[in-house]
C-alpha atoms as a PDB file:
ATOM      1  CA  MET A   1      -0.067   0.045  -0.094  1.00  0.00           C
ATOM      2  CA  GLU A   2       1.379   3.575  -1.037  1.00  0.00           C
ATOM      3  CA  LYS A   3       1.668   5.947   2.046  1.00  0.00           C
ATOM      4  CA  LYS A   4       0.292   9.292   1.255  1.00  0.00           C
ATOM      5  CA  GLY A   5       3.046  12.225   2.272  1.00  0.00           C
ATOM      6  CA  LYS A   6       1.876  15.144   3.552  1.00  0.00           C
ATOM      7  CA  SER A   7      -0.761  17.836   2.253  1.00  0.00           C
ATOM      8  CA  PRO A   8       0.750  21.311   1.597  1.00  0.00           C
ATOM      9  CA  VAL A   9      -1.877  22.189   4.479  1.00  0.00           C
ATOM     10  CA  GLN A  10      -0.301  20.276   6.879  1.00  0.00           C
ATOM     11  CA  GLU A  11       3.443  20.772   5.876  1.00  0.00           C
ATOM     12  CA  THR A  12       2.924  24.830   6.305  1.00  0.00           C
ATOM     13  CA  VAL A  13       1.354  24.250   9.964  1.00  0.00           C
ATOM     14  CA  ASP A  14       4.403  21.616  10.524  1.00  0.00           C
ATOM     15  CA  LYS A  15       6.900  24.332   9.469  1.00  0.00           C
ATOM     16  CA  TRP A  16       5.175  27.234  11.504  1.00  0.00           C
ATOM     17  CA  ILE A  17       5.154  24.949  14.243  1.00  0.00           C
ATOM     18  CA  GLU A  18       9.224  24.409  13.792  1.00  0.00           C
ATOM     19  CA  GLY A  19       9.349  27.837  13.611  1.00  0.00           C
ATOM     20  CA  TRP A  20       8.249  28.194  16.757  1.00  0.00           C
ATOM     21  CA  ASN A  21      10.117  25.715  18.494  1.00  0.00           C
ATOM     22  CA  GLU A  22      13.525  26.465  16.681  1.00  0.00           C
ATOM     23  CA  HIS A  23      13.038  30.681  17.649  1.00  0.00           C
ATOM     24  CA  ASN A  24      13.470  30.832  13.879  1.00  0.00           C
ATOM     25  CA  ILE A  25      11.400  34.115  13.265  1.00  0.00           C
ATOM     26  CA  GLU A  26      12.081  33.545   9.594  1.00  0.00           C
ATOM     27  CA  LYS A  27      11.172  30.263   9.381  1.00  0.00           C
ATOM     28  CA  ILE A  28       7.695  31.399  11.289  1.00  0.00           C
ATOM     29  CA  MET A  29       7.277  34.104   8.830  1.00  0.00           C
ATOM     30  CA  GLU A  30       7.635  32.383   5.798  1.00  0.00           C
ATOM     31  CA  CYS A  31       4.387  30.811   6.249  1.00  0.00           C
ATOM     32  CA  TYR A  32       2.202  33.506   5.872  1.00  0.00           C
ATOM     33  CA  ALA A  33       1.394  35.653   3.138  1.00  0.00           C
ATOM     34  CA  ASP A  34       2.393  39.291   2.886  1.00  0.00           C
ATOM     35  CA  THR A  35      -1.024  40.796   3.306  1.00  0.00           C
ATOM     36  CA  ALA A  36      -2.023  38.632   6.148  1.00  0.00           C
ATOM     37  CA  GLU A  37      -4.272  38.893   8.998  1.00  0.00           C
ATOM     38  CA  LEU A  38      -3.620  37.719  12.247  1.00  0.00           C
ATOM     39  CA  TYR A  39      -6.232  38.011  15.414  1.00  0.00           C
ATOM     40  CA  ASP A  40      -4.992  37.089  18.629  1.00  0.00           C
ATOM     41  CA  PRO A  41      -6.668  38.495  22.161  1.00  0.00           C
ATOM     42  CA  LYS A  42      -2.963  39.210  23.290  1.00  0.00           C
ATOM     43  CA  ILE A  43      -1.512  42.189  20.940  1.00  0.00           C
ATOM     44  CA  LYS A  44      -3.731  44.127  23.116  1.00  0.00           C
ATOM     45  CA  GLU A  45      -1.109  43.738  25.536  1.00  0.00           C
ATOM     46  CA  ILE A  46       1.347  45.195  23.278  1.00  0.00           C
ATOM     47  CA  TYR A  47      -0.964  47.047  21.439  1.00  0.00           C
ATOM     48  CA  PRO A  48      -3.902  48.586  23.306  1.00  0.00           C
ATOM     49  CA  GLU A  49      -5.909  49.629  20.545  1.00  0.00           C
ATOM     50  CA  THR A  50      -6.160  46.834  18.827  1.00  0.00           C
ATOM     51  CA  LEU A  51      -6.667  42.567  18.305  1.00  0.00           C
ATOM     52  CA  THR A  52      -5.400  42.447  14.857  1.00  0.00           C
ATOM     53  CA  LEU A  53      -2.493  42.632  13.018  1.00  0.00           C
ATOM     54  CA  VAL A  54      -2.411  43.373   9.409  1.00  0.00           C
ATOM     55  CA  GLY A  55       0.507  42.805   7.115  1.00  0.00           C
ATOM     56  CA  LYS A  56       3.302  40.245   7.254  1.00  0.00           C
ATOM     57  CA  GLU A  57       5.825  42.912   8.510  1.00  0.00           C
ATOM     58  CA  ASN A  58       3.310  44.051  11.639  1.00  0.00           C
ATOM     59  CA  ILE A  59       3.070  40.392  12.246  1.00  0.00           C
ATOM     60  CA  LYS A  60       6.842  39.479  12.248  1.00  0.00           C
ATOM     61  CA  LYS A  61       7.258  42.645  14.745  1.00  0.00           C
ATOM     62  CA  TYR A  62       4.685  41.514  17.396  1.00  0.00           C
ATOM     63  CA  TYR A  63       6.527  37.970  16.881  1.00  0.00           C
ATOM     64  CA  GLU A  64       9.915  39.589  17.680  1.00  0.00           C
ATOM     65  CA  ILE A  65       8.524  41.016  20.708  1.00  0.00           C
ATOM     66  CA  ILE A  66       6.977  37.379  22.019  1.00  0.00           C
ATOM     67  CA  LEU A  67      10.023  35.315  21.586  1.00  0.00           C
ATOM     68  CA  LYS A  68      12.449  38.533  23.065  1.00  0.00           C
ATOM     69  CA  VAL A  69       9.703  38.362  26.060  1.00  0.00           C
ATOM     70  CA  PHE A  70       9.341  34.321  26.220  1.00  0.00           C
ATOM     71  CA  PRO A  71      12.709  33.096  25.774  1.00  0.00           C
ATOM     72  CA  GLN A  72      11.739  29.407  26.199  1.00  0.00           C
ATOM     73  CA  ILE A  73       8.490  29.650  24.394  1.00  0.00           C
ATOM     74  CA  LYS A  74       7.740  26.052  22.846  1.00  0.00           C
ATOM     75  CA  ILE A  75       4.352  24.350  21.019  1.00  0.00           C
ATOM     76  CA  GLN A  76       3.225  21.054  21.633  1.00  0.00           C
ATOM     77  CA  PRO A  77       0.820  20.184  19.258  1.00  0.00           C
ATOM     78  CA  LEU A  78      -1.865  18.236  20.198  1.00  0.00           C
ATOM     79  CA  GLY A  79      -4.337  17.853  17.184  1.00  0.00           C
ATOM     80  CA  LEU A  80      -4.489  19.291  13.999  1.00  0.00           C
ATOM     81  CA  TRP A  81      -8.043  19.226  11.411  1.00  0.00           C
ATOM     82  CA  ILE A  82      -7.458  20.093   7.215  1.00  0.00           C
ATOM     83  CA  LYS A  83     -10.627  21.058   5.479  1.00  0.00           C
ATOM     84  CA  GLY A  84      -9.345  22.654   2.244  1.00  0.00           C
ATOM     85  CA  HIS A  85      -6.851  25.184   2.610  1.00  0.00           C
ATOM     86  CA  ASP A  86      -8.338  25.685   6.356  1.00  0.00           C
ATOM     87  CA  ALA A  87      -6.344  24.111   9.269  1.00  0.00           C
ATOM     88  CA  LEU A  88      -7.364  24.219  12.991  1.00  0.00           C
ATOM     89  CA  LEU A  89      -4.696  23.435  15.729  1.00  0.00           C
ATOM     90  CA  GLU A  90      -5.057  22.649  18.925  1.00  0.00           C
ATOM     91  CA  TYR A  91      -1.808  23.294  21.298  1.00  0.00           C
ATOM     92  CA  TYR A  92       0.026  23.906  24.084  1.00  0.00           C
ATOM     93  CA  ILE A  93       2.111  27.003  23.941  1.00  0.00           C
ATOM     94  CA  TYR A  94       4.717  26.955  26.841  1.00  0.00           C
ATOM     95  CA  THR A  95       6.460  30.343  27.845  1.00  0.00           C
ATOM     96  CA  ALA A  96       8.022  28.624  31.016  1.00  0.00           C
ATOM     97  CA  GLU A  97       8.829  25.200  31.332  1.00  0.00           C
ATOM     98  CA  ASP A  98       6.372  25.303  34.425  1.00  0.00           C
ATOM     99  CA  ALA A  99       3.526  27.902  32.218  1.00  0.00           C
ATOM    100  CA  LYS A 100       1.261  26.634  29.576  1.00  0.00           C
ATOM    101  CA  ALA A 101      -1.747  27.756  27.837  1.00  0.00           C
ATOM    102  CA  ASP A 102      -3.839  25.613  25.868  1.00  0.00           C
ATOM    103  CA  VAL A 103      -4.472  27.268  22.519  1.00  0.00           C
ATOM    104  CA  VAL A 104      -6.318  26.607  19.270  1.00  0.00           C
ATOM    105  CA  SER A 105      -5.267  28.514  16.177  1.00  0.00           C
ATOM    106  CA  LYS A 106      -7.374  28.619  12.921  1.00  0.00           C
ATOM    107  CA  PHE A 107      -5.173  29.221   9.849  1.00  0.00           C
ATOM    108  CA  TYR A 108      -6.734  30.153   6.480  1.00  0.00           C
ATOM    109  CA  LEU A 109      -4.610  29.660   4.044  1.00  0.00           C
ATOM    110  CA  ASN A 110      -3.983  30.688   0.326  1.00  0.00           C
ATOM    111  CA  LYS A 111      -3.561  29.179  -2.828  1.00  0.00           C
ATOM    112  CA  GLU A 112       0.047  29.533  -2.325  1.00  0.00           C
ATOM    113  CA  TYR A 113      -0.820  27.753   0.948  1.00  0.00           C
ATOM    114  CA  LYS A 114       0.625  30.683   2.846  1.00  0.00           C
ATOM    115  CA  ILE A 115      -1.474  31.599   5.683  1.00  0.00           C
ATOM    116  CA  GLN A 116      -3.673  34.465   4.703  1.00  0.00           C
ATOM    117  CA  GLY A 117      -5.886  34.587   8.288  1.00  0.00           C
ATOM    118  CA  HIS A 118      -5.264  33.432  11.476  1.00  0.00           C
ATOM    119  CA  PHE A 119      -7.246  33.442  14.137  1.00  0.00           C
ATOM    120  CA  VAL A 120      -6.140  32.618  18.076  1.00  0.00           C
ATOM    121  CA  TYR A 121      -8.027  31.139  20.750  1.00  0.00           C
ATOM    122  CA  TYR A 122      -7.213  30.595  24.415  1.00  0.00           C
ATOM    123  CA  GLY A 123      -8.362  28.195  26.499  1.00  0.00           C
ATOM    124  CA  LEU A 124      -8.311  26.814  30.341  1.00  0.00           C
ATOM    125  CA  SER A 125      -6.193  23.240  30.636  1.00  0.00           C
ATOM    126  CA  TYR A 126      -9.037  20.745  31.718  1.00  0.00           C
ATOM    127  CA  LYS A 127      -7.027  20.618  34.979  1.00  0.00           C
ATOM    128  CA  GLU A 128      -7.288  24.373  35.529  1.00  0.00           C
ATOM    129  CA  VAL A 129     -11.461  24.414  35.187  1.00  0.00           C
ATOM    130  CA  LYS A 130     -11.413  21.137  37.673  1.00  0.00           C
ATOM    131  CA  GLU A 131      -9.718  23.149  39.940  1.00  0.00           C
ATOM    132  CA  GLU A 132     -12.029  25.918  39.125  1.00  0.00           C
ATOM    133  CA  ASP A 133     -15.187  23.849  40.004  1.00  0.00           C
ATOM    134  CA  LYS A 134     -13.923  23.123  43.171  1.00  0.00           C
ATOM    135  CA  THR A 135     -13.760  26.469  44.593  1.00  0.00           C
ATOM    136  CA  GLU A 136     -17.120  27.301  43.606  1.00  0.00           C
END
């Protein structure tokens, strides 16, 4: 039985994860289209007037700050769902050895398989939710 290779969408997402785990800003940015848009609630912590950045260069500046503030940042993928040119990635993002966040990224890729739209959503881990339930 012939084994199929990775889809171009999965290749882009894998490269994006590798870029973060290698702290390689150029590799991360190769995944984005020049006119990409990034929606991330955390953007507001650096740019209080917005939740969205437009354009590869603006996204790069934001990511450079994240890499500087969190020099140990790592991504641990948990699941990837692909439909057409869209991908939904669930992952843990570790900002330190003992600090993680549960994150979902929704990627919209263009016909060249570059990220055109990227929406980031943060959640609580199951353990954190259970701890909260105990306090109520």
